[in-house]
Amino acid sequence: MVSRSRLYAWWYFTIALGFLLLAINRALFGEKTWLIVLRLVIAAGFAALGYIELRFRSRTK
């Protein structure tokens, strides 16, 4: 059975991927740069949450 922290980690990675793809999509259609950068920052934040969840939660058990 997969641990709950691994599920949360993949959930965060999936959200990060969604924001990354959205930023790429919007960049191709010429949206304002600051909105694209904001989406990239949000994607990086969710990716960091996923990394933290994978690395540190599984070690504490």
N, C-alpha and C. Protein backbone atom coordinates (compact mmCIF):
# COMPACT_ATOMS: atom_id res chain seq x y z
N MET A 1 0.84 -1.19 0.00
CA MET A 1 0.00 0.00 0.00
C MET A 1 0.88 1.25 0.00
N VAL A 2 0.48 2.22 -0.75
CA VAL A 2 1.24 3.46 -0.86
C VAL A 2 0.94 4.34 0.35
N SER A 3 1.99 4.92 0.92
CA SER A 3 1.78 5.76 2.09
C SER A 3 1.06 7.06 1.71
N ARG A 4 0.42 7.62 2.68
CA ARG A 4 -0.34 8.85 2.45
C ARG A 4 0.59 10.00 2.03
N SER A 5 1.78 10.08 2.61
CA SER A 5 2.68 11.17 2.25
C SER A 5 3.15 11.06 0.80
N ARG A 6 3.31 9.83 0.28
CA ARG A 6 3.67 9.67 -1.14
C ARG A 6 2.52 10.13 -2.04
N LEU A 7 1.30 9.85 -1.64
CA LEU A 7 0.15 10.31 -2.42
C LEU A 7 0.08 11.83 -2.44
N TYR A 8 0.30 12.45 -1.28
CA TYR A 8 0.32 13.91 -1.23
C TYR A 8 1.43 14.47 -2.11
N ALA A 9 2.59 13.83 -2.08
CA ALA A 9 3.71 14.31 -2.88
C ALA A 9 3.36 14.28 -4.36
N TRP A 10 2.79 13.18 -4.83
CA TRP A 10 2.43 13.10 -6.24
C TRP A 10 1.28 14.04 -6.57
N TRP A 11 0.43 14.28 -5.64
CA TRP A 11 -0.65 15.26 -5.83
C TRP A 11 -0.05 16.66 -6.06
N TYR A 12 0.93 17.04 -5.23
CA TYR A 12 1.60 18.33 -5.39
C TYR A 12 2.35 18.41 -6.72
N PHE A 13 3.02 17.32 -7.10
CA PHE A 13 3.73 17.31 -8.38
C PHE A 13 2.77 17.46 -9.56
N THR A 14 1.61 16.86 -9.44
CA THR A 14 0.62 16.96 -10.51
C THR A 14 0.10 18.39 -10.63
N ILE A 15 -0.15 19.04 -9.51
CA ILE A 15 -0.59 20.43 -9.53
C ILE A 15 0.50 21.32 -10.12
N ALA A 16 1.76 21.06 -9.74
CA ALA A 16 2.88 21.82 -10.28
C ALA A 16 2.97 21.66 -11.80
N LEU A 17 2.81 20.44 -12.27
CA LEU A 17 2.83 20.20 -13.71
C LEU A 17 1.70 20.94 -14.40
N GLY A 18 0.54 20.97 -13.80
CA GLY A 18 -0.59 21.70 -14.36
C GLY A 18 -0.30 23.19 -14.50
N PHE A 19 0.28 23.79 -13.47
CA PHE A 19 0.62 25.21 -13.55
C PHE A 19 1.73 25.47 -14.56
N LEU A 20 2.68 24.54 -14.66
CA LEU A 20 3.75 24.68 -15.65
C LEU A 20 3.18 24.63 -17.07
N LEU A 21 2.32 23.66 -17.32
CA LEU A 21 1.70 23.57 -18.65
C LEU A 21 0.82 24.78 -18.95
N LEU A 22 0.14 25.29 -17.94
CA LEU A 22 -0.68 26.48 -18.13
C LEU A 22 0.19 27.69 -18.46
N ALA A 23 1.33 27.81 -17.79
CA ALA A 23 2.25 28.92 -18.08
C ALA A 23 2.78 28.82 -19.51
N ILE A 24 3.13 27.61 -19.94
CA ILE A 24 3.62 27.42 -21.30
C ILE A 24 2.52 27.77 -22.31
N ASN A 25 1.33 27.30 -22.04
CA ASN A 25 0.20 27.57 -22.93
C ASN A 25 -0.05 29.07 -23.06
N ARG A 26 -0.09 29.73 -21.93
CA ARG A 26 -0.36 31.17 -21.94
C ARG A 26 0.79 31.95 -22.58
N ALA A 27 2.03 31.47 -22.42
CA ALA A 27 3.17 32.14 -23.06
C ALA A 27 3.06 32.04 -24.58
N LEU A 28 2.59 30.91 -25.06
CA LEU A 28 2.43 30.74 -26.51
C LEU A 28 1.35 31.65 -27.08
N PHE A 29 0.39 32.00 -26.26
CA PHE A 29 -0.69 32.87 -26.72
C PHE A 29 -0.45 34.34 -26.37
N GLY A 30 0.72 34.65 -25.83
CA GLY A 30 1.12 36.05 -25.63
C GLY A 30 0.52 36.75 -24.44
N GLU A 31 0.31 36.04 -23.35
CA GLU A 31 -0.20 36.70 -22.14
C GLU A 31 0.91 37.55 -21.51
N LYS A 32 0.53 38.41 -20.60
CA LYS A 32 1.49 39.29 -19.93
C LYS A 32 2.56 38.46 -19.21
N THR A 33 3.77 38.96 -19.25
CA THR A 33 4.92 38.25 -18.71
C THR A 33 4.78 38.01 -17.20
N TRP A 34 4.27 38.98 -16.48
CA TRP A 34 4.21 38.82 -15.02
C TRP A 34 3.23 37.72 -14.63
N LEU A 35 2.20 37.50 -15.44
CA LEU A 35 1.26 36.41 -15.15
C LEU A 35 1.90 35.05 -15.41
N ILE A 36 2.71 34.98 -16.45
CA ILE A 36 3.42 33.74 -16.75
C ILE A 36 4.42 33.43 -15.64
N VAL A 37 5.16 34.44 -15.22
CA VAL A 37 6.14 34.26 -14.13
C VAL A 37 5.43 33.86 -12.84
N LEU A 38 4.29 34.44 -12.58
CA LEU A 38 3.52 34.08 -11.38
C LEU A 38 3.13 32.60 -11.41
N ARG A 39 2.68 32.12 -12.56
CA ARG A 39 2.33 30.70 -12.68
C ARG A 39 3.55 29.81 -12.50
N LEU A 40 4.69 30.25 -13.00
CA LEU A 40 5.92 29.47 -12.82
C LEU A 40 6.34 29.42 -11.35
N VAL A 41 6.16 30.52 -10.66
CA VAL A 41 6.47 30.56 -9.22
C VAL A 41 5.53 29.64 -8.45
N ILE A 42 4.27 29.66 -8.80
CA ILE A 42 3.31 28.76 -8.15
C ILE A 42 3.66 27.32 -8.43
N ALA A 43 4.04 27.01 -9.67
CA ALA A 43 4.45 25.65 -10.03
C ALA A 43 5.67 25.23 -9.22
N ALA A 44 6.64 26.12 -9.09
CA ALA A 44 7.84 25.81 -8.31
C ALA A 44 7.49 25.58 -6.84
N GLY A 45 6.55 26.34 -6.32
CA GLY A 45 6.12 26.16 -4.93
C GLY A 45 5.48 24.79 -4.71
N PHE A 46 4.61 24.39 -5.61
CA PHE A 46 3.99 23.07 -5.47
C PHE A 46 5.02 21.95 -5.67
N ALA A 47 5.97 22.15 -6.56
CA ALA A 47 7.02 21.15 -6.75
C ALA A 47 7.87 21.03 -5.49
N ALA A 48 8.15 22.16 -4.85
CA ALA A 48 8.91 22.13 -3.59
C ALA A 48 8.12 21.41 -2.50
N LEU A 49 6.82 21.65 -2.44
CA LEU A 49 5.98 20.94 -1.46
C LEU A 49 6.01 19.44 -1.71
N GLY A 50 5.96 19.04 -2.97
CA GLY A 50 6.03 17.62 -3.31
C GLY A 50 7.35 17.01 -2.91
N TYR A 51 8.43 17.73 -3.17
CA TYR A 51 9.76 17.25 -2.80
C TYR A 51 9.89 17.10 -1.29
N ILE A 52 9.43 18.10 -0.57
CA ILE A 52 9.49 18.04 0.89
C ILE A 52 8.67 16.88 1.42
N GLU A 53 7.50 16.70 0.85
CA GLU A 53 6.63 15.61 1.30
C GLU A 53 7.27 14.25 1.02
N LEU A 54 7.90 14.10 -0.12
CA LEU A 54 8.54 12.82 -0.46
C LEU A 54 9.76 12.54 0.42
N ARG A 55 10.59 13.54 0.59
CA ARG A 55 11.87 13.32 1.25
C ARG A 55 11.79 13.29 2.77
N PHE A 56 11.05 14.20 3.35
CA PHE A 56 11.12 14.35 4.79
C PHE A 56 10.01 13.62 5.54
N ARG A 57 8.85 13.48 4.96
CA ARG A 57 7.77 12.77 5.66
C ARG A 57 8.04 11.27 5.73
N SER A 58 8.63 10.72 4.67
CA SER A 58 8.86 9.27 4.67
C SER A 58 9.99 8.89 5.62
N ARG A 59 10.88 9.81 5.93
CA ARG A 59 12.00 9.53 6.85
C ARG A 59 11.57 9.56 8.32
N THR A 60 10.50 10.27 8.61
CA THR A 60 10.10 10.42 10.00
C THR A 60 9.35 9.19 10.52
N LYS A 61 8.98 8.30 9.64
CA LYS A 61 8.22 7.13 10.07
C LYS A 61 9.11 6.06 10.61
